[in-house]
Each structure stands twice: as C-alpha cells, then as structure tokens.
Amino acid sequence: MRNVSEYLTEKYVEGETLVQIRSELVRKKNILLKNFFIAKKMSEILKEINKSKLKEKYIPNQYKYSYLSPAVKMQKEVQLFFSFLLSQTFRNYVSFITGKKISTGNICVKIYDKGCYKLIHDTPVKERIRAIIDLTPFWENLYGGTFGIHDGKEFLTIPLKQNDLSIILCNKNTRDFVLYVKHFAKRKKRVFVQVSFS
C-alpha cells in the first residue's frame, strides 16, 4: 500500500493535524492546506507537465483554458503522482479528513495562461468532494487567474499558491470559477490539478 508521506509534508501526516482539518471542514465546508505537498516532487511533476502536449477548451461564455489530454503519454513521475492521488491510500486519507465515504475519483489538469478564464455557469456538480492542487510557481495576484467557488450563497476566492491543496465539500449549488488571467502574466501559466471524488 502506498504511504501518504511519499508526497505529503510531515505536518499533514500527524493525527492531531488531521483531526483539526476535519473539524474545520465540517464547520466551513472548504479548507486551504498550505505547503501540503513536498516541494521537490511537485517541481519535477510540473516540469514534466510543461513538456506535455496540451489541448485547448474554449466556449466564449463559459471557459477558455488548456488541459492535459488523458491520451497523452506521461512521464513516470507524473503517472506515479496521479496514481497516488487515485489510490485507495489517498482516498482513505481524504475520506478521514472529510468524514465522507469515497468510492471513485478522477483527475484533470487545467492550465490557464494569458486570456484564459472559467465563468460560473449552470452545469450541475456531480462530485461530492473536489480537491484543487496548485503547481504554479511565482504567481502574483495582479496576474488574475484566482480560483474560487460559489456555494449558492456567497463567492469565495481561494488564495492558492504552489504546493497548496484546497478541499471543497460540494453540494448541488456548488460552482467553481477562475478569474480572467491578465496580460501582466505574460508567458506564465497557472497549473491546477483537479481531483474529483464521488
């Protein structure tokens, strides 16, 4: 069985921390975990993703971004990381901190560069838990590209930075969005790994 300490920083493997995270999630329905992953491993994974061939998704009144096609042959480091995120070990970890039973999961890598965005629209949310991992180095707020959610009542932007993880407990009203990436970003790219659990 895979071990969570293979990718997670030491503090997120401690029992006391996990209980605190669970308590916060029950109360707020979302949480931002800073420096969740081991930086060196994530840098290697980002490097490989940046070398991969991307496809673009664009519907003017909904979204514009690139994504890593599932058909793309990925380097071993990326495959191992994705395999870990879908493993029973990581599902058990997420299940414990969310208090939710998890049966399946899927992964999507989305890349937002200059001119990209994702607007809120009325597509229903199918998953019960969404985990967003930020792999982006050196991203400034003035570039835009901020990830956020709307839970049916209020808008909430999530100040993700490199190696952070955001966990969101979804309901039928949950929608996500990514603010427009401005020209200040130049050639920089915002890279999110989205893991959806049902």
Protein backbone atom coordinates (compact mmCIF):
# COMPACT_ATOMS: atom_id res chain seq x y z
CA MET A 1 0.00 0.00 0.00
CA ARG A 2 1.26 3.49 -0.86
CA ASN A 3 2.25 5.75 2.01
CA VAL A 4 0.92 9.33 2.16
CA SER A 5 4.30 10.56 3.47
CA GLU A 6 5.69 9.79 -0.01
CA TYR A 7 4.15 13.07 -1.25
CA LEU A 8 2.77 14.94 1.79
CA THR A 9 4.78 17.20 4.07
CA GLU A 10 5.34 15.88 7.57
CA LYS A 11 2.77 18.00 9.43
CA TYR A 12 -0.11 16.66 7.30
CA VAL A 13 0.59 13.10 8.40
CA GLU A 14 0.19 13.87 12.12
CA GLY A 15 -3.02 12.64 13.76
CA GLU A 16 -3.67 15.86 15.68
CA THR A 17 -3.43 17.94 12.48
CA LEU A 18 -5.85 15.62 10.67
CA VAL A 19 -8.43 15.97 13.46
CA GLN A 20 -8.13 19.79 13.28
CA ILE A 21 -8.57 19.71 9.48
CA ARG A 22 -11.66 17.51 9.81
CA SER A 23 -13.18 19.83 12.41
CA GLU A 24 -12.57 22.88 10.17
CA LEU A 25 -14.05 21.17 7.12
CA VAL A 26 -17.21 20.18 8.97
CA ARG A 27 -17.64 23.81 10.03
CA LYS A 28 -16.71 25.68 6.83
CA LYS A 29 -17.19 23.08 4.02
CA ASN A 30 -13.82 24.05 2.47
CA ILE A 31 -10.24 24.34 3.62
CA LEU A 32 -6.91 25.56 2.25
CA LEU A 33 -3.90 23.48 3.28
CA LYS A 34 -0.66 25.42 2.73
CA ASN A 35 2.53 23.65 1.59
CA PHE A 36 0.68 20.35 1.54
CA PHE A 37 3.00 18.54 -0.87
CA ILE A 38 6.77 18.00 -0.85
CA ALA A 39 8.14 20.87 -2.98
CA LYS A 40 10.87 18.94 -4.80
CA LYS A 41 8.49 16.24 -6.02
CA MET A 42 5.93 18.80 -7.21
CA SER A 43 8.58 20.78 -9.11
CA GLU A 44 9.54 17.62 -11.02
CA ILE A 45 5.91 16.90 -11.84
CA LEU A 46 5.30 20.48 -13.05
CA LYS A 47 8.38 20.26 -15.25
CA GLU A 48 7.01 17.12 -16.93
CA ILE A 49 3.51 18.58 -17.34
CA ASN A 50 5.00 21.68 -19.01
CA LYS A 51 6.70 19.41 -21.56
CA SER A 52 3.45 17.60 -22.40
CA LYS A 53 1.19 18.31 -25.36
CA LEU A 54 -1.90 20.25 -24.32
CA LYS A 55 -5.37 20.65 -25.83
CA GLU A 56 -7.48 23.81 -25.65
CA LYS A 57 -11.09 24.04 -24.42
CA TYR A 58 -12.95 27.19 -25.39
CA ILE A 59 -16.60 28.20 -25.18
CA PRO A 60 -16.76 32.05 -25.13
CA ASN A 61 -19.43 32.48 -22.43
CA GLN A 62 -18.14 29.63 -20.25
CA TYR A 63 -14.40 28.99 -20.27
CA LYS A 64 -11.05 29.11 -22.01
CA TYR A 65 -8.12 27.02 -20.81
CA SER A 66 -5.78 24.22 -21.86
CA TYR A 67 -5.74 20.75 -20.42
CA LEU A 68 -3.61 17.66 -20.37
CA SER A 69 -5.30 15.08 -22.55
CA PRO A 70 -5.76 11.66 -20.90
CA ALA A 71 -4.40 10.17 -24.14
CA VAL A 72 -1.02 11.90 -23.69
CA LYS A 73 1.80 9.58 -22.69
CA MET A 74 3.05 11.00 -19.41
CA GLN A 75 6.45 10.66 -17.80
CA LYS A 76 6.81 8.16 -14.96
CA GLU A 77 6.88 10.81 -12.20
CA VAL A 78 3.54 12.28 -13.33
CA GLN A 79 1.96 8.84 -13.73
CA LEU A 80 3.08 7.85 -10.23
CA PHE A 81 1.68 11.05 -8.72
CA PHE A 82 -1.69 10.67 -10.46
CA SER A 83 -1.76 7.01 -9.45
CA PHE A 84 -1.14 8.09 -5.83
CA LEU A 85 -3.99 10.67 -5.95
CA LEU A 86 -6.41 7.95 -7.10
CA SER A 87 -5.01 5.25 -4.81
CA GLN A 88 -7.00 3.65 -2.00
CA THR A 89 -4.45 5.11 0.43
CA PHE A 90 -5.11 8.72 -0.59
CA ARG A 91 -8.87 8.10 -0.89
CA ASN A 92 -8.81 6.79 2.71
CA TYR A 93 -6.89 9.91 3.76
CA VAL A 94 -9.41 12.26 2.11
CA SER A 95 -12.28 10.16 3.45
CA PHE A 96 -10.95 10.53 7.00
CA ILE A 97 -10.49 14.31 6.92
CA THR A 98 -13.83 14.94 5.16
CA GLY A 99 -15.88 12.35 7.04
CA LYS A 100 -17.28 11.20 3.67
CA LYS A 101 -17.21 7.76 2.12
CA ILE A 102 -15.37 7.78 -1.23
CA SER A 103 -15.71 5.16 -3.93
CA THR A 104 -14.22 6.68 -7.08
CA GLY A 105 -12.05 9.57 -8.22
CA ASN A 106 -10.85 11.22 -11.42
CA ILE A 107 -8.17 13.74 -12.34
CA CYS A 108 -8.00 16.69 -14.70
CA VAL A 109 -5.02 19.02 -15.21
CA LYS A 110 -6.04 22.55 -16.28
CA ILE A 111 -3.65 25.24 -17.45
CA TYR A 112 -4.62 28.93 -17.51
CA ASP A 113 -2.38 31.40 -19.31
CA LYS A 114 -2.94 34.95 -20.60
CA GLY A 115 -6.59 35.42 -21.68
CA CYS A 116 -7.89 32.24 -20.00
CA TYR A 117 -10.80 32.05 -17.53
CA LYS A 118 -13.68 29.93 -16.27
CA LEU A 119 -17.03 31.58 -15.61
CA ILE A 120 -19.74 30.25 -13.32
CA HIS A 121 -22.46 28.52 -15.32
CA ASP A 122 -25.31 26.18 -14.52
CA THR A 123 -23.66 22.80 -15.11
CA PRO A 124 -24.57 20.71 -12.06
CA VAL A 125 -21.76 19.43 -9.85
CA LYS A 126 -21.57 15.64 -9.86
CA GLU A 127 -18.79 15.00 -7.37
CA ARG A 128 -19.17 15.29 -3.59
CA ILE A 129 -15.58 16.35 -2.90
CA ARG A 130 -13.25 18.41 -5.04
CA ALA A 131 -9.53 18.78 -4.34
CA ILE A 132 -7.58 21.50 -6.16
CA ILE A 133 -3.78 21.32 -6.21
CA ASP A 134 -1.78 24.37 -7.31
CA LEU A 135 1.53 23.59 -9.04
CA THR A 136 2.18 27.17 -10.17
CA PRO A 137 5.48 28.80 -9.12
CA PHE A 138 5.90 32.58 -8.69
CA TRP A 139 2.31 33.66 -9.37
CA GLU A 140 1.32 37.22 -8.44
CA ASN A 141 -2.24 38.33 -7.55
CA LEU A 142 -2.11 41.06 -10.22
CA TYR A 143 -1.92 38.33 -12.91
CA GLY A 144 -5.52 37.27 -12.17
CA GLY A 145 -6.25 33.56 -12.56
CA THR A 146 -7.52 33.22 -8.98
CA PHE A 147 -9.53 30.06 -8.27
CA GLY A 148 -12.85 30.47 -6.47
CA ILE A 149 -16.15 28.84 -5.59
CA HIS A 150 -19.76 29.87 -5.16
CA ASP A 151 -21.75 27.71 -2.75
CA GLY A 152 -25.17 29.07 -3.70
CA LYS A 153 -24.93 31.92 -1.16
CA GLU A 154 -21.56 33.66 -1.47
CA PHE A 155 -18.48 33.94 -3.65
CA LEU A 156 -15.21 32.83 -2.14
CA THR A 157 -11.78 33.22 -3.73
CA ILE A 158 -9.16 30.74 -2.56
CA PRO A 159 -5.61 32.16 -2.34
CA LEU A 160 -3.83 29.04 -3.61
CA LYS A 161 -0.06 29.07 -4.03
CA GLN A 162 2.44 26.47 -5.21
CA ASN A 163 2.04 23.07 -3.47
CA ASP A 164 -1.21 24.13 -1.71
CA LEU A 165 -4.29 21.91 -1.62
CA SER A 166 -7.86 23.16 -1.35
CA ILE A 167 -10.58 20.68 -0.39
CA ILE A 168 -14.19 21.62 -1.08
CA LEU A 169 -17.24 19.70 0.11
CA CYS A 170 -19.67 20.14 -2.77
CA ASN A 171 -23.45 20.30 -2.88
CA LYS A 172 -25.88 20.75 -5.78
CA ASN A 173 -25.33 24.54 -5.65
CA THR A 174 -21.52 24.49 -5.69
CA ARG A 175 -19.91 26.11 -8.72
CA ASP A 176 -16.27 26.98 -9.34
CA PHE A 177 -14.63 29.73 -11.37
CA VAL A 178 -11.20 31.03 -12.36
CA LEU A 179 -10.77 34.78 -12.77
CA TYR A 180 -9.50 36.09 -16.11
CA VAL A 181 -5.71 35.84 -16.50
CA LYS A 182 -4.48 39.35 -17.33
CA HIS A 183 -1.75 40.45 -19.73
CA PHE A 184 0.58 41.02 -16.75
CA ALA A 185 1.08 37.25 -16.62
CA LYS A 186 2.92 37.43 -19.98
CA ARG A 187 4.07 33.84 -20.65
CA LYS A 188 3.43 32.49 -17.18
CA LYS A 189 0.89 29.69 -16.73
CA ARG A 190 -1.37 28.77 -13.84
CA VAL A 191 -1.41 24.99 -13.42
CA PHE A 192 -4.15 23.32 -11.35
CA VAL A 193 -4.63 19.60 -10.80
CA GLN A 194 -8.29 18.93 -10.02
CA VAL A 195 -9.22 15.68 -8.32
CA SER A 196 -12.95 14.89 -8.06
CA PHE A 197 -14.21 12.27 -5.63
CA SER A 198 -17.66 10.65 -5.59
